[in-house]
Amino acid sequence: MKVLLLTSGEQARRLADWIGERETLILRETPVSAQEIAALAPDLIVSHSYRHILKRDALAAAPDRFINLHISLLPYNRGADPNLWSFLDATPKGVSIHLIDEGIDTGALLLQREVRFEEDSETLGSSYAKLQQAINDLFIENWSSLRDGRIAPRAQSGAGTFHRASEFAALRHALLGDEGWEVPIPVLRQRYRSLSAGAARGGGPA
């Protein structure tokens, strides 16, 4: 089977190695066009930490063959920085594998797994690593069913939540502070509450 893996970082390295040992793997980190997809003729396209939007014609070149690995419990935290916003918005946490449609993380669900955290002992970085582990495990454990199309898609239900990359970018320094990605989750949440309270009084992020 020929698998096209779309990714933009090291997060997918474990998955790329695992797929490559079992299937014919094509790895792509740059934007991909409809013409390229048609020429490559993959049996399945897997998107994992891919930072480029797939256009309508690209999706139409391989209908129902695009799946995405997303580190949130959809429909919560669609879009950018799902791990961060799951703590700041106090929404359910987990991972999802879903079909890709023209929306952002709105496609029909194939697989999900809830992930629970002891927040007092987690950092933003450690929780992210656990979600990456969970999404890789979910994919690998169910690979044969995903590969053979034996999982019936189900529509997402509920409004959920959505965030753009610009939202975190505006608050990044104030939220991460000197700790960076190793900021403890309780500290992260307290900083966000302080920023929100300041904005409500007419101030803004420092």
Protein backbone atom coordinates (compact mmCIF):
# COMPACT_ATOMS: atom_id res chain seq x y z
CA MET A 1 0.00 0.00 0.00
CA LYS A 2 1.25 3.48 -0.86
CA VAL A 3 0.85 6.02 1.99
CA LEU A 4 1.48 9.74 1.60
CA LEU A 5 2.35 11.24 5.00
CA LEU A 6 1.93 15.01 5.21
CA THR A 7 3.79 16.52 8.14
CA SER A 8 5.70 19.64 9.16
CA GLY A 9 7.84 18.52 12.04
CA GLU A 10 9.57 15.90 14.10
CA GLN A 11 6.30 14.97 15.85
CA ALA A 12 5.55 12.51 13.05
CA ARG A 13 8.98 10.89 12.93
CA ARG A 14 7.96 7.84 14.96
CA LEU A 15 4.90 7.34 12.80
CA ALA A 16 6.86 7.81 9.58
CA ASP A 17 9.37 5.17 10.63
CA TRP A 18 6.61 2.78 11.67
CA ILE A 19 4.63 3.15 8.44
CA GLY A 20 7.80 2.97 6.35
CA GLU A 21 8.62 -0.45 7.77
CA ARG A 22 5.26 -1.83 6.62
CA GLU A 23 4.07 0.14 3.61
CA THR A 24 5.43 2.20 0.73
CA LEU A 25 5.86 5.63 2.34
CA ILE A 26 6.04 9.04 0.68
CA LEU A 27 6.90 11.85 3.11
CA ARG A 28 5.94 15.42 2.26
CA GLU A 29 6.47 18.59 4.35
CA THR A 30 5.70 21.26 1.74
CA PRO A 31 2.31 22.21 0.23
CA VAL A 32 0.91 19.53 -2.07
CA SER A 33 -1.24 20.18 -5.14
CA ALA A 34 -4.01 18.23 -6.78
CA GLN A 35 -1.73 17.45 -9.72
CA GLU A 36 0.95 16.02 -7.43
CA ILE A 37 -1.57 13.87 -5.57
CA ALA A 38 -2.88 12.53 -8.87
CA ALA A 39 0.66 11.74 -10.03
CA LEU A 40 1.66 10.06 -6.75
CA ALA A 41 -1.62 8.09 -6.65
CA PRO A 42 -1.45 7.23 -2.93
CA ASP A 43 -3.88 4.73 -1.49
CA LEU A 44 -4.14 6.79 1.70
CA ILE A 45 -3.05 10.30 2.72
CA VAL A 46 -2.26 10.82 6.42
CA SER A 47 -1.85 14.34 7.82
CA HIS A 48 -0.01 14.70 11.13
CA SER A 49 1.17 18.10 12.41
CA TYR A 50 0.92 19.44 8.85
CA ARG A 51 0.95 23.25 8.73
CA HIS A 52 -0.47 23.74 5.24
CA ILE A 53 -4.15 24.00 4.37
CA LEU A 54 -5.31 21.39 1.88
CA LYS A 55 -7.26 23.08 -0.91
CA ARG A 56 -10.54 21.87 -2.32
CA ASP A 57 -9.04 20.56 -5.56
CA ALA A 58 -6.36 18.63 -3.68
CA LEU A 59 -9.01 16.92 -1.53
CA ALA A 60 -11.07 16.17 -4.65
CA ALA A 61 -8.07 14.42 -6.21
CA ALA A 62 -8.35 11.61 -3.66
CA PRO A 63 -11.85 11.67 -2.16
CA ASP A 64 -12.29 9.92 1.19
CA ARG A 65 -8.59 9.05 1.29
CA PHE A 66 -7.41 11.93 3.53
CA ILE A 67 -7.22 11.40 7.29
CA ASN A 68 -5.92 13.74 9.95
CA LEU A 69 -4.37 13.10 13.37
CA HIS A 70 -5.39 15.86 15.79
CA ILE A 71 -4.41 16.15 19.45
CA SER A 72 -7.78 17.21 20.81
CA LEU A 73 -11.06 15.50 21.64
CA LEU A 74 -13.05 16.91 18.74
CA PRO A 75 -15.20 18.93 18.35
CA TYR A 76 -13.31 20.70 21.15
CA ASN A 77 -10.20 22.69 20.25
CA ARG A 78 -10.32 22.61 16.50
CA GLY A 79 -7.61 24.64 14.85
CA ALA A 80 -4.30 25.75 16.35
CA ASP A 81 -2.66 24.93 19.70
CA PRO A 82 -5.31 22.46 20.90
CA ASN A 83 -3.31 21.28 23.92
CA LEU A 84 -2.87 24.81 25.27
CA TRP A 85 -6.52 25.77 24.83
CA SER A 86 -7.82 22.56 26.39
CA PHE A 87 -6.30 23.76 29.68
CA LEU A 88 -7.17 27.44 29.30
CA ASP A 89 -10.77 26.71 28.29
CA ALA A 90 -11.11 23.72 30.65
CA THR A 91 -12.43 21.51 27.84
CA PRO A 92 -12.19 17.69 27.52
CA LYS A 93 -8.77 16.43 26.48
CA GLY A 94 -7.83 13.66 24.13
CA VAL A 95 -6.90 12.77 20.56
CA SER A 96 -8.89 12.22 17.36
CA ILE A 97 -8.38 10.64 13.95
CA HIS A 98 -10.83 12.00 11.39
CA LEU A 99 -11.52 12.38 7.71
CA ILE A 100 -10.45 15.69 6.21
CA ASP A 101 -13.07 17.92 4.62
CA GLU A 102 -12.94 21.57 3.55
CA GLY A 103 -13.34 22.86 7.11
CA ILE A 104 -10.66 23.02 9.80
CA ASP A 105 -10.80 19.81 11.85
CA THR A 106 -14.50 19.40 11.06
CA GLY A 107 -14.42 16.08 9.18
CA ALA A 108 -16.20 12.90 10.27
CA LEU A 109 -14.59 11.05 13.16
CA LEU A 110 -12.94 7.66 12.80
CA LEU A 111 -11.30 7.14 16.21
CA GLN A 112 -11.00 9.03 19.49
CA ARG A 113 -9.35 8.48 22.85
CA GLU A 114 -9.78 10.58 25.95
CA VAL A 115 -6.57 11.51 27.81
CA ARG A 116 -6.67 12.54 31.45
CA PHE A 117 -3.97 14.56 33.20
CA GLU A 118 -2.91 15.18 36.77
CA GLU A 119 -2.64 18.87 36.03
CA ASP A 120 -0.74 19.79 39.18
CA SER A 121 2.20 17.67 38.01
CA GLU A 122 2.11 18.51 34.30
CA THR A 123 3.76 21.17 32.18
CA LEU A 124 2.62 22.36 28.79
CA GLY A 125 5.49 20.40 27.25
CA SER A 126 4.88 17.16 29.15
CA SER A 127 1.16 17.17 28.38
CA TYR A 128 1.90 17.77 24.69
CA ALA A 129 4.28 14.82 24.65
CA LYS A 130 1.64 12.57 26.22
CA LEU A 131 -0.92 13.59 23.61
CA GLN A 132 1.55 12.87 20.82
CA GLN A 133 2.18 9.46 22.35
CA ALA A 134 -1.57 8.84 22.57
CA ILE A 135 -2.28 9.79 18.94
CA ASN A 136 0.57 7.62 17.68
CA ASP A 137 -0.60 4.68 19.79
CA LEU A 138 -4.20 5.09 18.60
CA PHE A 139 -3.09 5.11 14.97
CA ILE A 140 -0.74 2.14 15.29
CA GLU A 141 -3.21 0.01 17.26
CA ASN A 142 -5.87 0.55 14.61
CA TRP A 143 -3.71 0.66 11.50
CA SER A 144 -5.14 -2.38 9.75
CA SER A 145 -8.70 -1.04 10.12
CA LEU A 146 -7.68 2.43 8.96
CA ARG A 147 -5.73 1.03 6.04
CA ASP A 148 -8.59 -1.19 4.87
CA GLY A 149 -11.35 1.39 5.44
CA ARG A 150 -13.15 -0.78 7.99
CA ILE A 151 -14.04 2.07 10.39
CA ALA A 152 -17.40 3.71 9.77
CA PRO A 153 -17.10 7.53 9.94
CA ARG A 154 -19.43 9.38 12.30
CA ALA A 155 -20.26 13.06 12.15
CA GLN A 156 -18.96 15.35 14.86
CA SER A 157 -21.69 16.54 17.20
CA GLY A 158 -21.94 19.78 19.16
CA ALA A 159 -20.51 23.22 18.55
CA GLY A 160 -17.14 22.52 20.17
CA THR A 161 -14.47 25.21 20.21
CA PHE A 162 -12.00 26.70 17.73
CA HIS A 163 -8.83 28.80 18.02
CA ARG A 164 -6.53 30.48 15.53
CA ALA A 165 -2.73 30.55 15.78
CA SER A 166 -2.85 34.34 16.18
CA GLU A 167 -4.66 33.99 19.53
CA PHE A 168 -1.76 32.20 21.20
CA ALA A 169 0.80 34.34 19.38
CA ALA A 170 -0.65 37.47 21.01
CA LEU A 171 -0.32 35.94 24.51
CA ARG A 172 2.70 33.70 24.08
CA HIS A 173 5.29 35.62 26.08
CA ALA A 174 2.90 36.48 28.89
CA LEU A 175 1.71 32.87 29.21
CA LEU A 176 4.99 30.99 28.82
CA GLY A 177 7.18 33.40 30.77
CA ASP A 178 10.73 32.30 31.50
CA GLU A 179 9.74 28.63 31.70
CA GLY A 180 8.77 28.32 28.05
CA TRP A 181 7.12 25.01 27.19
CA GLU A 182 7.92 23.71 30.66
CA VAL A 183 5.55 26.17 32.32
CA PRO A 184 3.48 24.23 34.91
CA ILE A 185 -0.18 23.92 33.96
CA PRO A 186 -1.43 25.63 37.19
CA VAL A 187 0.89 28.58 36.49
CA LEU A 188 -0.26 28.73 32.87
CA ARG A 189 -3.91 28.85 33.92
CA GLN A 190 -3.30 31.50 36.57
CA ARG A 191 -1.48 33.72 34.09
CA TYR A 192 -4.35 33.39 31.65
CA ARG A 193 -6.91 34.27 34.32
CA SER A 194 -4.86 37.35 35.21
CA LEU A 195 -4.64 38.41 31.57
CA SER A 196 -8.38 37.87 31.09
CA ALA A 197 -9.18 39.90 34.20
CA GLY A 198 -6.91 42.71 33.01
CA ALA A 199 -8.56 42.71 29.59
CA ALA A 200 -11.98 42.90 31.24
CA ARG A 201 -10.82 46.00 33.14
CA GLY A 202 -9.70 47.57 29.88
CA GLY A 203 -6.06 46.56 29.94
CA GLY A 204 -4.20 44.12 27.73
CA PRO A 205 -1.45 41.50 27.80
CA ALA A 206 1.87 42.68 29.15
